Amino acid sequence: MHEYEGWQITPFRNILGLQQNAPSEDVAQVLVPNFNNVWLRAVAYQMLFSFQSAGLGFFTLGVFGAQPLPLLLLFGGIAIALLGPSKLRTSLFRVVDGEARPVLPLSWSLLIVFALNALANLISAHHFFGPTFPL
């Protein structure tokens, strides 16, 4: 993923938009060192947030045990991450050099699952660490 740290400053090119017999100039436009690949960025974000959601869910499950709600959050989140729709993405953009570029190309279904798991994780962290850190 560190190969793509220039995501916010390089122009976007989509390798899936190439025709089968594309000219070499078009192929050179999608090479990783030259341009950003927004498609690969979206895949990387989906994978990153899927694993983060699973980690949050496992912590909640570890704190509360095998209760119905933590199990639903964990396995429902994994199911949505693997089987949920990935086409409807967030529309958060940042304008760089007069061009709007996506900041968080994440599907809404996974973003909602991540937010629910993060909220459950905060509640479980308060439940787990609350006696140790009184307010």
N, C-alpha and C. Protein backbone atom coordinates (compact mmCIF):
# COMPACT_ATOMS: atom_id res chain seq x y z
N MET A 1 0.82 -1.20 0.00
CA MET A 1 0.00 0.00 0.00
C MET A 1 0.85 1.25 0.00
N HIS A 2 2.09 1.19 0.50
CA HIS A 2 2.91 2.39 0.56
C HIS A 2 3.35 2.84 -0.82
N GLU A 3 3.25 1.99 -1.80
CA GLU A 3 3.54 2.40 -3.18
C GLU A 3 2.56 3.47 -3.62
N TYR A 4 1.39 3.48 -3.01
CA TYR A 4 0.33 4.39 -3.42
C TYR A 4 0.16 5.57 -2.46
N GLU A 5 1.20 5.97 -1.76
CA GLU A 5 1.07 7.08 -0.83
C GLU A 5 0.85 8.41 -1.53
N GLY A 6 1.14 8.49 -2.80
CA GLY A 6 0.92 9.71 -3.55
C GLY A 6 -0.49 9.83 -4.09
N TRP A 7 -1.45 9.13 -3.48
CA TRP A 7 -2.83 9.12 -3.97
C TRP A 7 -3.43 10.51 -4.08
N GLN A 8 -3.12 11.39 -3.16
CA GLN A 8 -3.76 12.69 -3.18
C GLN A 8 -3.11 13.66 -4.16
N ILE A 9 -1.94 13.35 -4.69
CA ILE A 9 -1.24 14.33 -5.52
C ILE A 9 -1.06 13.89 -6.96
N THR A 10 -1.33 12.64 -7.28
CA THR A 10 -1.15 12.18 -8.65
C THR A 10 -2.49 12.03 -9.34
N PRO A 11 -2.54 12.20 -10.65
CA PRO A 11 -3.81 12.06 -11.38
C PRO A 11 -4.32 10.62 -11.33
N PHE A 12 -5.62 10.47 -11.41
CA PHE A 12 -6.23 9.14 -11.37
C PHE A 12 -6.33 8.56 -12.77
N ARG A 13 -5.99 7.30 -12.90
CA ARG A 13 -6.18 6.54 -14.13
C ARG A 13 -6.76 5.19 -13.74
N ASN A 14 -7.71 4.72 -14.49
CA ASN A 14 -8.35 3.44 -14.20
C ASN A 14 -7.89 2.41 -15.21
N ILE A 15 -7.23 1.37 -14.74
CA ILE A 15 -6.73 0.34 -15.63
C ILE A 15 -7.86 -0.46 -16.27
N LEU A 16 -9.01 -0.50 -15.63
CA LEU A 16 -10.13 -1.25 -16.18
C LEU A 16 -10.76 -0.54 -17.38
N GLY A 17 -10.44 0.73 -17.57
CA GLY A 17 -10.99 1.48 -18.69
C GLY A 17 -10.26 1.25 -20.00
N LEU A 18 -9.17 0.50 -19.97
CA LEU A 18 -8.41 0.24 -21.20
C LEU A 18 -9.12 -0.76 -22.09
N GLN A 19 -9.01 -0.54 -23.38
CA GLN A 19 -9.52 -1.51 -24.35
C GLN A 19 -8.49 -2.62 -24.51
N GLN A 20 -8.88 -3.73 -25.10
CA GLN A 20 -7.97 -4.86 -25.22
C GLN A 20 -6.76 -4.53 -26.10
N ASN A 21 -6.97 -3.81 -27.18
CA ASN A 21 -5.87 -3.45 -28.09
C ASN A 21 -5.54 -1.97 -27.93
N ALA A 22 -5.31 -1.53 -26.71
CA ALA A 22 -5.05 -0.12 -26.43
C ALA A 22 -3.66 0.26 -26.91
N PRO A 23 -3.51 1.50 -27.40
CA PRO A 23 -2.18 1.96 -27.80
C PRO A 23 -1.23 2.02 -26.61
N SER A 24 0.06 1.95 -26.88
CA SER A 24 1.04 1.93 -25.80
C SER A 24 1.03 3.21 -24.97
N GLU A 25 0.62 4.35 -25.56
CA GLU A 25 0.53 5.59 -24.79
C GLU A 25 -0.53 5.49 -23.70
N ASP A 26 -1.65 4.84 -24.04
CA ASP A 26 -2.71 4.66 -23.04
C ASP A 26 -2.28 3.70 -21.94
N VAL A 27 -1.54 2.67 -22.31
CA VAL A 27 -1.06 1.71 -21.32
C VAL A 27 -0.06 2.38 -20.39
N ALA A 28 0.78 3.25 -20.91
CA ALA A 28 1.78 3.94 -20.08
C ALA A 28 1.11 4.86 -19.06
N GLN A 29 -0.12 5.30 -19.33
CA GLN A 29 -0.81 6.21 -18.41
C GLN A 29 -1.27 5.52 -17.13
N VAL A 30 -1.34 4.20 -17.11
CA VAL A 30 -1.82 3.51 -15.92
C VAL A 30 -0.71 2.80 -15.17
N LEU A 31 0.54 3.01 -15.54
CA LEU A 31 1.64 2.40 -14.80
C LEU A 31 1.73 2.99 -13.41
N VAL A 32 1.98 2.15 -12.42
CA VAL A 32 1.95 2.56 -11.02
C VAL A 32 2.89 3.73 -10.72
N PRO A 33 4.15 3.71 -11.18
CA PRO A 33 5.02 4.83 -10.82
C PRO A 33 4.59 6.18 -11.39
N ASN A 34 3.79 6.17 -12.46
CA ASN A 34 3.42 7.41 -13.12
C ASN A 34 2.10 8.00 -12.64
N PHE A 35 1.12 7.15 -12.38
CA PHE A 35 -0.22 7.65 -12.08
C PHE A 35 -0.87 6.85 -10.96
N ASN A 36 -1.91 7.40 -10.41
CA ASN A 36 -2.66 6.76 -9.36
C ASN A 36 -3.71 5.83 -9.96
N ASN A 37 -3.94 4.74 -9.29
CA ASN A 37 -4.95 3.79 -9.72
C ASN A 37 -6.08 3.81 -8.69
N VAL A 38 -7.12 4.56 -8.97
CA VAL A 38 -8.20 4.74 -8.01
C VAL A 38 -8.93 3.43 -7.74
N TRP A 39 -8.93 2.53 -8.71
CA TRP A 39 -9.59 1.24 -8.52
C TRP A 39 -8.85 0.43 -7.45
N LEU A 40 -7.52 0.38 -7.52
CA LEU A 40 -6.75 -0.35 -6.53
C LEU A 40 -6.87 0.31 -5.16
N ARG A 41 -6.97 1.60 -5.13
CA ARG A 41 -7.15 2.31 -3.87
C ARG A 41 -8.47 1.92 -3.21
N ALA A 42 -9.52 1.83 -4.00
CA ALA A 42 -10.82 1.43 -3.45
C ALA A 42 -10.77 0.00 -2.91
N VAL A 43 -10.10 -0.88 -3.61
CA VAL A 43 -9.97 -2.26 -3.14
C VAL A 43 -9.17 -2.30 -1.84
N ALA A 44 -8.10 -1.53 -1.76
CA ALA A 44 -7.28 -1.50 -0.54
C ALA A 44 -8.09 -0.97 0.64
N TYR A 45 -8.90 0.06 0.43
CA TYR A 45 -9.72 0.60 1.51
C TYR A 45 -10.77 -0.41 1.96
N GLN A 46 -11.40 -1.11 1.00
CA GLN A 46 -12.39 -2.12 1.36
C GLN A 46 -11.74 -3.19 2.25
N MET A 47 -10.55 -3.65 1.86
CA MET A 47 -9.88 -4.69 2.62
C MET A 47 -9.45 -4.17 3.99
N LEU A 48 -8.90 -2.98 4.04
CA LEU A 48 -8.44 -2.41 5.30
C LEU A 48 -9.60 -2.25 6.28
N PHE A 49 -10.71 -1.68 5.83
CA PHE A 49 -11.84 -1.46 6.73
C PHE A 49 -12.55 -2.76 7.06
N SER A 50 -12.49 -3.76 6.20
CA SER A 50 -13.06 -5.07 6.53
C SER A 50 -12.31 -5.68 7.70
N PHE A 51 -10.98 -5.66 7.64
CA PHE A 51 -10.19 -6.22 8.73
C PHE A 51 -10.33 -5.39 10.01
N GLN A 52 -10.41 -4.07 9.88
CA GLN A 52 -10.60 -3.23 11.06
C GLN A 52 -11.95 -3.51 11.72
N SER A 53 -12.99 -3.68 10.91
CA SER A 53 -14.32 -3.99 11.46
C SER A 53 -14.31 -5.34 12.17
N ALA A 54 -13.64 -6.32 11.59
CA ALA A 54 -13.55 -7.63 12.23
C ALA A 54 -12.78 -7.53 13.55
N GLY A 55 -11.71 -6.77 13.58
CA GLY A 55 -10.95 -6.61 14.82
C GLY A 55 -11.76 -5.94 15.91
N LEU A 56 -12.51 -4.90 15.54
CA LEU A 56 -13.38 -4.24 16.52
C LEU A 56 -14.45 -5.20 17.04
N GLY A 57 -15.00 -5.99 16.11
CA GLY A 57 -16.02 -6.96 16.51
C GLY A 57 -15.49 -8.04 17.42
N PHE A 58 -14.27 -8.51 17.16
CA PHE A 58 -13.68 -9.53 18.03
C PHE A 58 -13.39 -9.00 19.42
N PHE A 59 -12.99 -7.74 19.54
CA PHE A 59 -12.77 -7.17 20.87
C PHE A 59 -14.10 -7.09 21.63
N THR A 60 -15.14 -6.63 20.96
CA THR A 60 -16.46 -6.56 21.60
C THR A 60 -16.92 -7.94 22.03
N LEU A 61 -16.71 -8.93 21.18
CA LEU A 61 -17.08 -10.30 21.51
C LEU A 61 -16.25 -10.81 22.69
N GLY A 62 -14.98 -10.44 22.75
CA GLY A 62 -14.14 -10.86 23.87
C GLY A 62 -14.57 -10.24 25.19
N VAL A 63 -15.06 -9.02 25.15
CA VAL A 63 -15.48 -8.36 26.39
C VAL A 63 -16.82 -8.89 26.88
N PHE A 64 -17.79 -9.00 25.99
CA PHE A 64 -19.15 -9.37 26.41
C PHE A 64 -19.44 -10.86 26.28
N GLY A 65 -18.55 -11.61 25.66
CA GLY A 65 -18.79 -13.05 25.49
C GLY A 65 -19.73 -13.32 24.33
N ALA A 66 -20.15 -14.55 24.24
CA ALA A 66 -20.99 -14.99 23.12
C ALA A 66 -22.45 -14.61 23.33
N GLN A 67 -22.69 -13.32 23.42
CA GLN A 67 -24.05 -12.78 23.51
C GLN A 67 -24.58 -12.58 22.09
N PRO A 68 -25.90 -12.53 21.93
CA PRO A 68 -26.45 -12.40 20.56
C PRO A 68 -26.02 -11.13 19.83
N LEU A 69 -26.01 -9.98 20.50
CA LEU A 69 -25.68 -8.73 19.80
C LEU A 69 -24.22 -8.68 19.34
N PRO A 70 -23.23 -9.01 20.18
CA PRO A 70 -21.85 -9.03 19.67
C PRO A 70 -21.64 -10.05 18.55
N LEU A 71 -22.29 -11.20 18.65
CA LEU A 71 -22.18 -12.20 17.58
C LEU A 71 -22.78 -11.67 16.28
N LEU A 72 -23.93 -10.99 16.39
CA LEU A 72 -24.56 -10.42 15.21
C LEU A 72 -23.69 -9.34 14.58
N LEU A 73 -23.11 -8.48 15.41
CA LEU A 73 -22.23 -7.44 14.88
C LEU A 73 -21.01 -8.03 14.19
N LEU A 74 -20.41 -9.04 14.79
CA LEU A 74 -19.21 -9.63 14.22
C LEU A 74 -19.51 -10.39 12.93
N PHE A 75 -20.40 -11.37 12.99
CA PHE A 75 -20.65 -12.19 11.81
C PHE A 75 -21.47 -11.47 10.76
N GLY A 76 -22.35 -10.58 11.18
CA GLY A 76 -23.06 -9.75 10.21
C GLY A 76 -22.12 -8.80 9.50
N GLY A 77 -21.17 -8.24 10.25
CA GLY A 77 -20.17 -7.36 9.64
C GLY A 77 -19.28 -8.09 8.66
N ILE A 78 -18.87 -9.29 9.02
CA ILE A 78 -18.04 -10.08 8.09
C ILE A 78 -18.83 -10.43 6.84
N ALA A 79 -20.11 -10.80 7.01
CA ALA A 79 -20.94 -11.14 5.85
C ALA A 79 -21.13 -9.93 4.94
N ILE A 80 -21.38 -8.77 5.52
CA ILE A 80 -21.57 -7.57 4.71
C ILE A 80 -20.27 -7.18 4.03
N ALA A 81 -19.14 -7.33 4.74
CA ALA A 81 -17.85 -7.00 4.13
C ALA A 81 -17.55 -7.90 2.94
N LEU A 82 -17.90 -9.18 3.04
CA LEU A 82 -17.60 -10.11 1.96
C LEU A 82 -18.67 -10.14 0.87
N LEU A 83 -19.94 -10.01 1.25
CA LEU A 83 -21.03 -10.19 0.30
C LEU A 83 -21.81 -8.92 0.00
N GLY A 84 -21.59 -7.89 0.76
CA GLY A 84 -22.37 -6.66 0.61
C GLY A 84 -22.05 -5.90 -0.67
N PRO A 85 -22.92 -4.97 -1.03
CA PRO A 85 -22.66 -4.19 -2.24
C PRO A 85 -21.44 -3.29 -2.08
N SER A 86 -20.62 -3.22 -3.10
CA SER A 86 -19.42 -2.39 -3.03
C SER A 86 -19.45 -1.26 -4.06
N LYS A 87 -20.51 -1.11 -4.79
CA LYS A 87 -20.56 -0.08 -5.83
C LYS A 87 -20.98 1.28 -5.31
N LEU A 88 -21.93 1.35 -4.39
CA LEU A 88 -22.33 2.65 -3.86
C LEU A 88 -21.27 3.11 -2.88
N ARG A 89 -20.46 4.09 -3.29
CA ARG A 89 -19.34 4.54 -2.47
C ARG A 89 -19.62 5.94 -1.91
N THR A 90 -18.87 6.27 -0.87
CA THR A 90 -19.00 7.60 -0.28
C THR A 90 -18.58 8.64 -1.31
N SER A 91 -19.12 9.81 -1.17
CA SER A 91 -18.82 10.88 -2.13
C SER A 91 -18.01 11.99 -1.46
N LEU A 92 -17.03 11.60 -0.67
CA LEU A 92 -16.16 12.57 -0.03
C LEU A 92 -15.00 12.88 -0.98
N PHE A 93 -14.87 14.13 -1.36
CA PHE A 93 -13.85 14.52 -2.32
C PHE A 93 -12.99 15.64 -1.76
N ARG A 94 -11.79 15.76 -2.28
CA ARG A 94 -10.87 16.84 -1.96
C ARG A 94 -10.41 17.44 -3.28
N VAL A 95 -10.45 18.74 -3.40
CA VAL A 95 -10.04 19.40 -4.63
C VAL A 95 -8.54 19.65 -4.57
N VAL A 96 -7.82 19.06 -5.51
CA VAL A 96 -6.37 19.22 -5.63
C VAL A 96 -6.08 19.66 -7.05
N ASP A 97 -5.42 20.79 -7.19
CA ASP A 97 -5.09 21.34 -8.51
C ASP A 97 -6.33 21.50 -9.39
N GLY A 98 -7.44 21.90 -8.77
CA GLY A 98 -8.67 22.12 -9.52
C GLY A 98 -9.42 20.86 -9.89
N GLU A 99 -8.96 19.70 -9.44
CA GLU A 99 -9.60 18.42 -9.77
C GLU A 99 -10.11 17.77 -8.49
N ALA A 100 -11.38 17.35 -8.49
CA ALA A 100 -11.96 16.68 -7.33
C ALA A 100 -11.49 15.23 -7.30
N ARG A 101 -10.91 14.85 -6.16
CA ARG A 101 -10.38 13.49 -6.02
C ARG A 101 -11.03 12.83 -4.81
N PRO A 102 -11.37 11.54 -4.90
CA PRO A 102 -12.02 10.87 -3.77
C PRO A 102 -11.06 10.72 -2.60
N VAL A 103 -11.58 10.97 -1.40
CA VAL A 103 -10.77 10.86 -0.20
C VAL A 103 -10.97 9.50 0.46
N LEU A 104 -12.18 9.03 0.51
CA LEU A 104 -12.49 7.76 1.17
C LEU A 104 -13.36 6.92 0.24
N PRO A 105 -12.77 6.20 -0.72
CA PRO A 105 -13.58 5.40 -1.64
C PRO A 105 -14.03 4.10 -0.99
N LEU A 106 -14.97 4.21 -0.05
CA LEU A 106 -15.44 3.07 0.72
C LEU A 106 -16.93 2.89 0.49
N SER A 107 -17.38 1.65 0.41
CA SER A 107 -18.80 1.41 0.20
C SER A 107 -19.58 1.81 1.45
N TRP A 108 -20.80 2.28 1.22
CA TRP A 108 -21.64 2.72 2.33
C TRP A 108 -21.96 1.57 3.26
N SER A 109 -22.17 0.37 2.72
CA SER A 109 -22.52 -0.77 3.57
C SER A 109 -21.38 -1.07 4.55
N LEU A 110 -20.15 -1.07 4.07
CA LEU A 110 -19.02 -1.34 4.96
C LEU A 110 -18.77 -0.19 5.93
N LEU A 111 -19.00 1.03 5.48
CA LEU A 111 -18.82 2.18 6.36
C LEU A 111 -19.81 2.14 7.52
N ILE A 112 -21.05 1.75 7.26
CA ILE A 112 -22.06 1.64 8.32
C ILE A 112 -21.70 0.52 9.29
N VAL A 113 -21.25 -0.63 8.75
CA VAL A 113 -20.83 -1.73 9.61
C VAL A 113 -19.64 -1.32 10.47
N PHE A 114 -18.69 -0.60 9.88
CA PHE A 114 -17.53 -0.13 10.63
C PHE A 114 -17.96 0.82 11.75
N ALA A 115 -18.87 1.73 11.45
CA ALA A 115 -19.34 2.69 12.46
C ALA A 115 -20.06 1.98 13.61
N LEU A 116 -20.88 0.99 13.30
CA LEU A 116 -21.57 0.24 14.35
C LEU A 116 -20.59 -0.54 15.20
N ASN A 117 -19.60 -1.17 14.57
CA ASN A 117 -18.59 -1.91 15.33
C ASN A 117 -17.72 -0.98 16.16
N ALA A 118 -17.43 0.21 15.64
CA ALA A 118 -16.64 1.17 16.40
C ALA A 118 -17.42 1.65 17.63
N LEU A 119 -18.71 1.90 17.47
CA LEU A 119 -19.55 2.31 18.61
C LEU A 119 -19.62 1.19 19.65
N ALA A 120 -19.84 -0.04 19.19
CA ALA A 120 -19.87 -1.17 20.11
C ALA A 120 -18.52 -1.36 20.79
N ASN A 121 -17.45 -1.08 20.07
CA ASN A 121 -16.11 -1.19 20.64
C ASN A 121 -15.88 -0.14 21.73
N LEU A 122 -16.36 1.07 21.51
CA LEU A 122 -16.24 2.10 22.54
C LEU A 122 -17.01 1.72 23.80
N ILE A 123 -18.20 1.17 23.61
CA ILE A 123 -19.00 0.74 24.76
C ILE A 123 -18.30 -0.40 25.49
N SER A 124 -17.77 -1.35 24.74
CA SER A 124 -17.09 -2.48 25.38
C SER A 124 -15.78 -2.04 26.04
N ALA A 125 -15.07 -1.07 25.46
CA ALA A 125 -13.85 -0.56 26.09
C ALA A 125 -14.18 0.15 27.40
N HIS A 126 -15.28 0.91 27.40
CA HIS A 126 -15.71 1.57 28.65
C HIS A 126 -16.10 0.52 29.69
N HIS A 127 -16.79 -0.52 29.25
CA HIS A 127 -17.20 -1.59 30.16
C HIS A 127 -15.97 -2.33 30.70
N PHE A 128 -14.99 -2.56 29.86
CA PHE A 128 -13.81 -3.33 30.24
C PHE A 128 -12.83 -2.51 31.08
N PHE A 129 -12.56 -1.27 30.65
CA PHE A 129 -11.58 -0.45 31.32
C PHE A 129 -12.20 0.56 32.29
N GLY A 130 -13.52 0.67 32.33
CA GLY A 130 -14.18 1.66 33.16
C GLY A 130 -13.79 1.62 34.62
N PRO A 131 -13.77 0.44 35.25
CA PRO A 131 -13.38 0.39 36.67
C PRO A 131 -11.92 0.85 36.90
N THR A 132 -11.09 0.71 35.91
CA THR A 132 -9.68 1.08 36.05
C THR A 132 -9.48 2.58 35.93
N PHE A 133 -10.27 3.21 35.08
CA PHE A 133 -10.14 4.64 34.82
C PHE A 133 -11.42 5.37 35.22
N PRO A 134 -11.60 5.69 36.48
CA PRO A 134 -12.83 6.41 36.87
C PRO A 134 -12.79 7.84 36.36
N LEU A 135 -13.96 8.33 36.02
CA LEU A 135 -14.06 9.71 35.51
C LEU A 135 -14.16 10.70 36.63
